[in-house]
Amino acid sequence: MSRPADSKRGFTAVLAAGGTGGHMFPAQALARVLLERDAKVILITDKRGGGFGPDLPQVETWRVSAAGVAGGDIFSKAMGALRLGWGVLQARSILKRLDPDAVVGFGGYASVPTVFAAGRLGTRVVLHEQNAVVGRANRLLAAKAETICTSFATVEGLRDSEREKVTVTGNPVRSAIAQLGRQPYSVPGPGDEVRLLVVGGSQGARVFNEVLPYALCRLPEAIKARLKVAQQVRGNDTGHVAKVYDDCGVSAALQPFFDDMPERLKKAHLLICRAGASTIAELAAAGRPAILVPYPFAADDHQTGNAQALAEAGGGWLLPQSGLTPESLAERLTRLIEDAGALAHAAGCARAFAEENAAERLADVVLSRRRSNGDAPREEAAA
């Protein structure tokens, strides 16, 4: 099915993604760049996938059956395998109809049927891996990929033969967040407000609700008076968390979800957060320091790998959940807030860790087959 690109026909890219924002955000960022370069973009997701929404109405969306097969009892695994097999047949039919130039998989089990079917049909496959430890879906599909684009310079989980396919593009982030890194980090001076942003990822982080309020209550009064907290609180904990903050005199705004993250990041001096791939990429792009508490039950402990990469670059501080206590967190926060230079240094290191223009670089890889068949890159065409 693979064939030379036809410049009259244009370039068609199928993006295979679904599940959490960690998979969908980079797919959406790539879609924007490909559309700007006059490519046709189609999304194939699973039955639960909401697509890219009204922001990208020109992206046609198809849905196929998908399911994970890891974990659970024998019956669950068998049902998952059946749904996955049906999804492969659906994806094969869709791809034969669309006849794309490339299929780009973003990991997660929602991508498996489409990428697997593409490999069987001989369609060019590009994978994007967001984490420092390659996810199970991409490990399964790596043999079918022509190129594996990574977010980190070093990734674990690939065979030696697959490492030869790797190119580092970075992890695409939303344009509004990418723009924050072009503005200088606002270092809090003595007596200035210190704005702390606490987010728990797509599923929230109940441990933050249980530990953070009591940690902040242990801070010196002079620091509490300067502190402005914005915290993601999900579930039924809001009333309890609010009362603890009120009782100890900490100013806190609590919400179940922040739909204005670019503005929140812009104002933040320090974050406490998980270490998902999108979180790390956005911290780096914005140039914001963070205390990173990896989700300990993430598949293959990939969040610890992500956090270690940023911490080793100087852009944050890794604090395992097993060591997250009110005492340890209060001590860490006191040191950081009293040393604005440490915050500024970490902000600069986080910014230096960012892979610039990740979406554009990923698009270059996806479109490279067209260029190798006679289309010059934009820079050459403009010369």
Protein backbone atom coordinates (compact mmCIF):
# COMPACT_ATOMS: atom_id res chain seq x y z
CA MET A 1 0.00 0.00 0.00
CA SER A 2 2.95 2.32 0.57
CA ARG A 3 3.53 4.55 -2.45
CA PRO A 4 5.48 7.66 -3.46
CA ALA A 5 3.87 10.91 -2.40
CA ASP A 6 1.94 12.75 -5.09
CA SER A 7 2.37 16.54 -4.83
CA LYS A 8 -0.86 17.11 -6.74
CA ARG A 9 -2.79 14.96 -4.30
CA GLY A 10 -1.27 16.59 -1.22
CA PHE A 11 -0.12 14.90 1.96
CA THR A 12 -2.49 12.96 4.22
CA ALA A 13 -1.50 12.15 7.80
CA VAL A 14 -3.49 9.92 10.13
CA LEU A 15 -2.91 10.54 13.83
CA ALA A 16 -3.66 7.64 16.19
CA ALA A 17 -4.26 8.88 19.73
CA GLY A 18 -6.71 8.73 22.59
CA GLY A 19 -7.06 8.54 26.34
CA THR A 20 -5.49 11.22 28.51
CA GLY A 21 -4.19 14.64 27.58
CA GLY A 22 -0.67 13.26 27.72
CA HIS A 23 -1.37 11.53 24.40
CA MET A 24 -3.87 13.97 22.94
CA PHE A 25 -2.08 17.30 23.55
CA PRO A 26 0.98 16.46 21.42
CA ALA A 27 -1.26 14.99 18.73
CA GLN A 28 -3.30 18.17 18.66
CA ALA A 29 -0.18 20.35 18.52
CA LEU A 30 1.15 18.31 15.58
CA ALA A 31 -2.22 18.54 13.83
CA ARG A 32 -2.06 22.35 13.95
CA VAL A 33 1.38 22.46 12.34
CA LEU A 34 0.50 19.91 9.66
CA LEU A 35 -2.63 21.90 8.78
CA GLU A 36 -0.53 25.07 8.53
CA ARG A 37 1.63 23.20 6.02
CA ASP A 38 -1.42 22.31 3.92
CA ALA A 39 -1.54 18.65 4.87
CA LYS A 40 -4.81 16.83 5.39
CA VAL A 41 -5.07 15.54 8.96
CA ILE A 42 -7.33 12.74 10.18
CA LEU A 43 -7.64 11.50 13.76
CA ILE A 44 -8.41 7.87 14.57
CA THR A 45 -9.19 7.39 18.25
CA ASP A 46 -11.12 4.89 20.35
CA LYS A 47 -14.81 4.86 21.18
CA ARG A 48 -14.26 7.11 24.20
CA GLY A 49 -12.16 9.66 22.36
CA GLY A 50 -13.60 13.14 22.14
CA GLY A 51 -11.40 14.26 19.27
CA PHE A 52 -9.77 17.67 19.13
CA GLY A 53 -13.00 19.58 19.67
CA PRO A 54 -14.19 22.78 17.99
CA ASP A 55 -10.69 24.30 17.81
CA LEU A 56 -9.78 22.00 14.89
CA PRO A 57 -13.05 21.32 13.07
CA GLN A 58 -11.18 20.54 9.85
CA VAL A 59 -9.73 17.37 11.39
CA GLU A 60 -11.92 14.43 10.43
CA THR A 61 -12.35 11.95 13.31
CA TRP A 62 -12.87 8.20 13.11
CA ARG A 63 -13.35 5.82 16.03
CA VAL A 64 -12.38 2.19 16.39
CA SER A 65 -12.64 -0.38 19.14
CA ALA A 66 -9.64 -0.59 21.50
CA ALA A 67 -8.82 -1.99 24.91
CA GLY A 68 -5.89 -2.78 27.14
CA VAL A 69 -4.95 -6.42 27.68
CA ALA A 70 -2.57 -6.01 30.63
CA GLY A 71 -3.85 -6.70 34.14
CA GLY A 72 -7.21 -8.08 35.19
CA ASP A 73 -8.43 -11.65 35.17
CA ILE A 74 -8.41 -14.07 32.24
CA PHE A 75 -11.92 -13.09 31.15
CA SER A 76 -11.01 -9.37 31.10
CA LYS A 77 -7.89 -10.07 29.09
CA ALA A 78 -9.82 -12.19 26.61
CA MET A 79 -12.47 -9.50 26.14
CA GLY A 80 -9.77 -6.88 25.72
CA ALA A 81 -8.05 -8.99 23.06
CA LEU A 82 -11.35 -9.41 21.18
CA ARG A 83 -12.02 -5.67 21.23
CA LEU A 84 -8.48 -4.98 20.11
CA GLY A 85 -8.78 -7.48 17.26
CA TRP A 86 -12.04 -5.92 16.11
CA GLY A 87 -10.40 -2.50 16.27
CA VAL A 88 -7.59 -3.68 14.01
CA LEU A 89 -10.13 -4.84 11.40
CA GLN A 90 -11.96 -1.50 11.65
CA ALA A 91 -8.73 0.47 11.35
CA ARG A 92 -7.59 -1.59 8.38
CA SER A 93 -10.82 -0.81 6.54
CA ILE A 94 -10.53 2.92 7.33
CA LEU A 95 -6.88 3.12 6.28
CA LYS A 96 -7.53 1.31 2.98
CA ARG A 97 -10.21 3.92 2.28
CA LEU A 98 -8.09 6.91 3.32
CA ASP A 99 -4.79 5.69 1.80
CA PRO A 100 -2.65 8.02 3.98
CA ASP A 101 0.99 8.93 3.41
CA ALA A 102 1.84 8.34 7.07
CA VAL A 103 0.30 7.13 10.30
CA VAL A 104 1.57 8.76 13.50
CA GLY A 105 0.98 6.87 16.74
CA PHE A 106 1.10 8.62 20.12
CA GLY A 107 1.06 5.63 22.45
CA GLY A 108 -1.65 4.32 24.73
CA TYR A 109 -3.86 1.39 23.84
CA ALA A 110 -6.17 3.65 21.79
CA SER A 111 -3.40 3.94 19.19
CA VAL A 112 -2.66 0.22 18.89
CA PRO A 113 -5.32 -0.92 16.37
CA THR A 114 -4.54 1.85 13.89
CA VAL A 115 -0.76 1.60 14.06
CA PHE A 116 -0.83 -2.20 13.94
CA ALA A 117 -3.13 -2.13 10.91
CA ALA A 118 -0.91 0.46 9.22
CA GLY A 119 2.13 -1.75 9.70
CA ARG A 120 0.32 -4.73 8.20
CA LEU A 121 -0.72 -2.65 5.19
CA GLY A 122 2.79 -1.33 4.59
CA THR A 123 1.87 2.26 5.40
CA ARG A 124 4.70 4.39 6.74
CA VAL A 125 4.55 4.55 10.56
CA VAL A 126 5.99 7.23 12.85
CA LEU A 127 5.71 6.81 16.61
CA HIS A 128 5.91 9.58 19.19
CA GLU A 129 6.92 8.64 22.73
CA GLN A 130 6.23 11.24 25.39
CA ASN A 131 7.92 9.58 28.38
CA ALA A 132 11.47 8.75 29.45
CA VAL A 133 10.40 5.11 29.68
CA VAL A 134 8.76 3.84 26.50
CA GLY A 135 5.14 2.90 27.09
CA ARG A 136 3.81 -0.60 26.55
CA ALA A 137 1.87 0.31 23.42
CA ASN A 138 4.86 1.89 21.71
CA ARG A 139 7.11 -0.99 22.77
CA LEU A 140 4.64 -3.35 21.11
CA LEU A 141 4.54 -1.26 17.95
CA ALA A 142 8.19 -0.15 17.71
CA ALA A 143 9.13 -2.87 15.23
CA LYS A 144 6.57 -1.48 12.75
CA ALA A 145 7.85 2.10 12.95
CA GLU A 146 10.11 3.75 10.42
CA THR A 147 10.98 6.48 12.95
CA ILE A 148 10.49 6.75 16.72
CA CYS A 149 10.35 10.37 17.87
CA THR A 150 11.16 10.90 21.53
CA SER A 151 10.69 13.69 24.03
CA PHE A 152 13.84 12.90 26.02
CA ALA A 153 17.40 12.48 24.81
CA THR A 154 17.61 9.19 26.68
CA VAL A 155 14.75 6.70 26.80
CA GLU A 156 14.50 3.24 28.30
CA GLY A 157 12.60 0.25 26.96
CA LEU A 158 13.76 -0.03 23.34
CA ARG A 159 15.76 -2.83 21.76
CA ASP A 160 19.13 -1.96 20.22
CA SER A 161 17.72 -2.34 16.71
CA GLU A 162 14.90 0.06 17.56
CA ARG A 163 17.24 2.68 18.99
CA GLU A 164 18.59 3.18 15.49
CA LYS A 165 15.16 4.58 14.56
CA VAL A 166 15.13 7.24 17.30
CA THR A 167 15.17 10.96 16.65
CA VAL A 168 14.67 13.50 19.45
CA THR A 169 11.96 16.00 18.62
CA GLY A 170 10.69 16.93 22.08
CA ASN A 171 7.11 16.79 23.27
CA PRO A 172 4.78 19.31 21.58
CA VAL A 173 2.93 21.60 23.97
CA ARG A 174 0.04 23.99 23.59
CA SER A 175 1.12 27.22 21.87
CA ALA A 176 -0.16 29.41 24.71
CA ILE A 177 2.19 27.62 27.12
CA ALA A 178 5.12 27.57 24.70
CA GLN A 179 4.92 31.36 24.54
CA LEU A 180 5.42 31.70 28.31
CA GLY A 181 9.05 30.66 28.04
CA ARG A 182 9.81 33.74 25.98
CA GLN A 183 8.99 35.91 29.00
CA PRO A 184 11.42 36.23 31.94
CA TYR A 185 10.68 34.38 35.17
CA SER A 186 9.40 36.81 37.80
CA VAL A 187 11.64 36.28 40.83
CA PRO A 188 9.77 36.99 44.10
CA GLY A 189 11.61 39.58 46.16
CA PRO A 190 11.68 39.78 49.97
CA GLY A 191 8.15 40.41 51.17
CA ASP A 192 6.60 39.76 47.72
CA GLU A 193 3.77 37.33 47.15
CA VAL A 194 4.85 33.76 46.44
CA ARG A 195 2.38 32.01 44.16
CA LEU A 196 2.23 28.22 44.55
CA LEU A 197 0.36 26.16 41.96
CA VAL A 198 -0.62 22.59 42.87
CA VAL A 199 -1.95 20.23 40.20
CA GLY A 200 -2.44 16.49 40.21
CA GLY A 201 -2.65 15.60 36.54
CA SER A 202 -5.66 14.31 34.64
CA GLN A 203 -6.79 12.10 37.54
CA GLY A 204 -5.98 14.51 40.35
CA ALA A 205 -3.76 13.63 43.31
CA ARG A 206 -5.56 12.95 46.55
CA VAL A 207 -2.27 12.67 48.41
CA PHE A 208 -1.76 16.39 47.84
CA ASN A 209 -5.09 17.08 49.54
CA GLU A 210 -4.03 14.93 52.49
CA VAL A 211 -0.49 16.25 52.95
CA LEU A 212 -0.15 19.74 51.51
CA PRO A 213 -2.54 21.68 53.81
CA TYR A 214 -0.78 20.37 56.91
CA ALA A 215 2.62 21.10 55.37
CA LEU A 216 1.69 24.69 54.65
CA CYS A 217 0.35 25.15 58.17
CA ARG A 218 3.85 24.29 59.43
CA LEU A 219 5.49 27.12 57.52
CA PRO A 220 6.78 30.17 59.41
CA GLU A 221 4.16 32.87 59.83
CA ALA A 222 6.13 35.30 57.68
CA ILE A 223 6.05 32.86 54.76
CA LYS A 224 2.37 31.98 55.22
CA ALA A 225 1.54 35.68 55.03
CA ARG A 226 3.21 35.88 51.60
CA LEU A 227 1.81 32.65 50.19
CA LYS A 228 -0.95 32.49 47.58
CA VAL A 229 -2.01 28.94 46.77
CA ALA A 230 -3.99 27.68 43.77
CA GLN A 231 -4.70 23.97 44.20
CA GLN A 232 -6.53 21.35 42.17
CA VAL A 233 -8.83 19.48 44.57
CA ARG A 234 -11.07 16.72 43.25
CA GLY A 235 -13.58 14.50 44.93
CA ASN A 236 -15.17 15.35 48.27
CA ASP A 237 -12.08 16.85 49.90
CA THR A 238 -12.69 20.51 49.04
CA GLY A 239 -14.51 21.46 52.23
CA HIS A 240 -11.96 19.78 54.50
CA VAL A 241 -8.95 21.24 52.64
CA ALA A 242 -10.49 24.72 52.68
CA LYS A 243 -11.10 24.54 56.43
CA VAL A 244 -7.50 23.52 57.17
CA TYR A 245 -6.21 26.45 55.14
CA ASP A 246 -8.64 28.88 56.77
CA ASP A 247 -7.74 27.72 60.26
CA CYS A 248 -4.02 28.26 59.75
CA GLY A 249 -4.26 31.49 57.75
CA VAL A 250 -3.19 30.35 54.29
CA SER A 251 -4.79 32.06 51.29
CA ALA A 252 -5.91 29.33 48.89
CA ALA A 253 -8.09 29.08 45.76
CA LEU A 254 -9.37 25.54 45.28
CA GLN A 255 -10.81 24.17 42.05
CA PRO A 256 -11.47 20.66 40.71
CA PHE A 257 -9.88 21.55 37.39
CA PHE A 258 -7.97 24.52 35.97
CA ASP A 259 -9.13 25.37 32.46
CA ASP A 260 -6.78 28.37 32.36
CA MET A 261 -3.44 26.62 32.83
CA PRO A 262 -1.43 29.02 30.64
CA GLU A 263 -2.46 31.93 32.85
CA ARG A 264 -1.90 29.90 36.03
CA LEU A 265 1.58 28.92 34.87
CA LYS A 266 2.39 32.48 33.93
CA LYS A 267 1.67 33.66 37.48
CA ALA A 268 3.24 30.73 39.33
CA HIS A 269 6.60 30.98 41.11
CA LEU A 270 6.65 27.29 42.05
CA LEU A 271 4.59 24.17 41.34
CA ILE A 272 3.92 20.96 43.21
CA CYS A 273 2.76 18.38 40.71
CA ARG A 274 2.94 14.90 39.26
CA ALA A 275 5.48 14.08 36.56
CA GLY A 276 3.48 13.03 33.52
CA ALA A 277 5.06 13.70 30.15
CA SER A 278 2.87 16.69 29.30
CA THR A 279 3.46 18.20 32.73
CA ILE A 280 7.24 17.95 32.32
CA ALA A 281 7.09 19.39 28.80
CA GLU A 282 4.91 22.30 29.89
CA LEU A 283 7.09 23.09 32.91
CA ALA A 284 10.13 23.19 30.65
CA ALA A 285 8.45 25.21 27.91
CA ALA A 286 7.18 27.76 30.43
CA GLY A 287 10.39 27.78 32.47
CA ARG A 288 8.79 27.08 35.84
CA PRO A 289 10.44 25.23 38.74
CA ALA A 290 8.57 22.39 40.44
CA ILE A 291 8.60 19.90 43.25
CA LEU A 292 7.84 16.68 41.37
CA VAL A 293 5.96 13.86 43.08
CA PRO A 294 5.70 10.99 40.57
CA TYR A 295 2.57 8.86 40.61
CA PRO A 296 3.95 5.65 42.12
CA PHE A 297 1.55 3.32 40.30
CA ALA A 298 2.20 4.60 36.77
CA ALA A 299 3.00 1.87 34.25
CA ASP A 300 6.68 0.91 34.44
CA ASP A 301 7.14 3.79 36.92
CA HIS A 302 7.61 6.09 33.93
CA GLN A 303 6.82 9.24 35.91
CA THR A 304 9.90 8.72 38.06
CA GLY A 305 12.00 8.55 34.90
CA ASN A 306 10.43 11.80 33.67
CA ALA A 307 11.00 13.54 37.00
CA GLN A 308 14.60 12.34 37.25
CA ALA A 309 15.38 13.77 33.82
CA LEU A 310 14.15 17.26 34.75
CA ALA A 311 15.63 17.14 38.25
CA GLU A 312 19.04 16.08 36.95
CA ALA A 313 18.92 19.03 34.56
CA GLY A 314 18.37 21.31 37.57
CA GLY A 315 14.80 22.26 36.67
CA GLY A 316 13.04 20.79 39.69
CA TRP A 317 13.22 18.61 42.77
CA LEU A 318 12.15 14.97 42.88
CA LEU A 319 10.21 13.99 46.01
CA PRO A 320 8.91 10.40 45.97
CA GLN A 321 5.39 9.97 47.29
CA SER A 322 6.76 7.55 49.91
CA GLY A 323 8.70 10.46 51.39
CA LEU A 324 5.94 13.04 51.06
CA THR A 325 5.04 14.05 54.62
CA PRO A 326 3.92 17.38 56.07
CA GLU A 327 7.31 17.70 57.75
CA SER A 328 9.43 16.94 54.66
CA LEU A 329 7.36 19.15 52.39
CA ALA A 330 7.30 22.06 54.85
CA GLU A 331 11.07 21.89 55.19
CA ARG A 332 11.57 21.84 51.41
CA LEU A 333 9.16 24.72 50.83
CA THR A 334 10.71 26.86 53.56
CA ARG A 335 14.18 26.48 52.04
CA LEU A 336 12.99 27.31 48.54
CA ILE A 337 10.83 30.28 49.43
CA GLU A 338 13.62 31.78 51.53
CA ASP A 339 16.05 31.34 48.63
CA ALA A 340 14.58 33.10 45.60
CA GLY A 341 17.89 32.53 43.80
CA ALA A 342 17.30 28.78 43.91
CA LEU A 343 13.87 29.26 42.33
CA ALA A 344 15.30 31.51 39.62
CA HIS A 345 18.12 29.06 38.88
CA ALA A 346 15.70 26.13 38.59
CA ALA A 347 13.41 28.18 36.34
CA GLY A 348 16.32 28.83 34.00
CA CYS A 349 17.35 25.17 34.01
CA ALA A 350 13.78 24.09 33.28
CA ARG A 351 13.64 26.46 30.34
CA ALA A 352 16.98 25.18 29.03
CA PHE A 353 15.64 21.63 29.26
CA ALA A 354 12.83 22.42 26.80
CA GLU A 355 13.06 21.12 23.25
CA GLU A 356 12.24 24.15 21.15
CA ASN A 357 9.65 23.93 18.37
CA ALA A 358 8.82 20.32 19.14
CA ALA A 359 5.64 20.29 17.07
CA GLU A 360 7.46 21.74 14.06
CA ARG A 361 10.28 19.23 14.41
CA LEU A 362 7.84 16.36 14.66
CA ALA A 363 6.04 17.66 11.57
CA ASP A 364 9.37 17.75 9.72
CA VAL A 365 9.79 14.03 10.41
CA VAL A 366 6.24 13.18 9.39
CA LEU A 367 6.55 15.11 6.13
CA SER A 368 10.11 14.00 5.35
CA ARG A 369 9.00 11.29 2.91
CA ARG A 370 7.25 13.91 0.80
CA ARG A 371 10.35 16.10 0.80
CA SER A 372 12.58 13.19 -0.17
CA ASN A 373 10.36 12.72 -3.23
CA GLY A 374 10.97 16.21 -4.54
CA ASP A 375 9.32 18.75 -2.21
CA ALA A 376 11.82 21.14 -0.67
CA PRO A 377 11.61 22.17 2.97
CA ARG A 378 9.96 25.51 3.63
CA GLU A 379 13.28 27.27 4.17
CA GLU A 380 14.66 26.04 0.84
CA ALA A 381 11.44 26.77 -1.01
CA ALA A 382 11.49 30.34 0.26
CA ALA A 383 15.12 30.89 -0.76
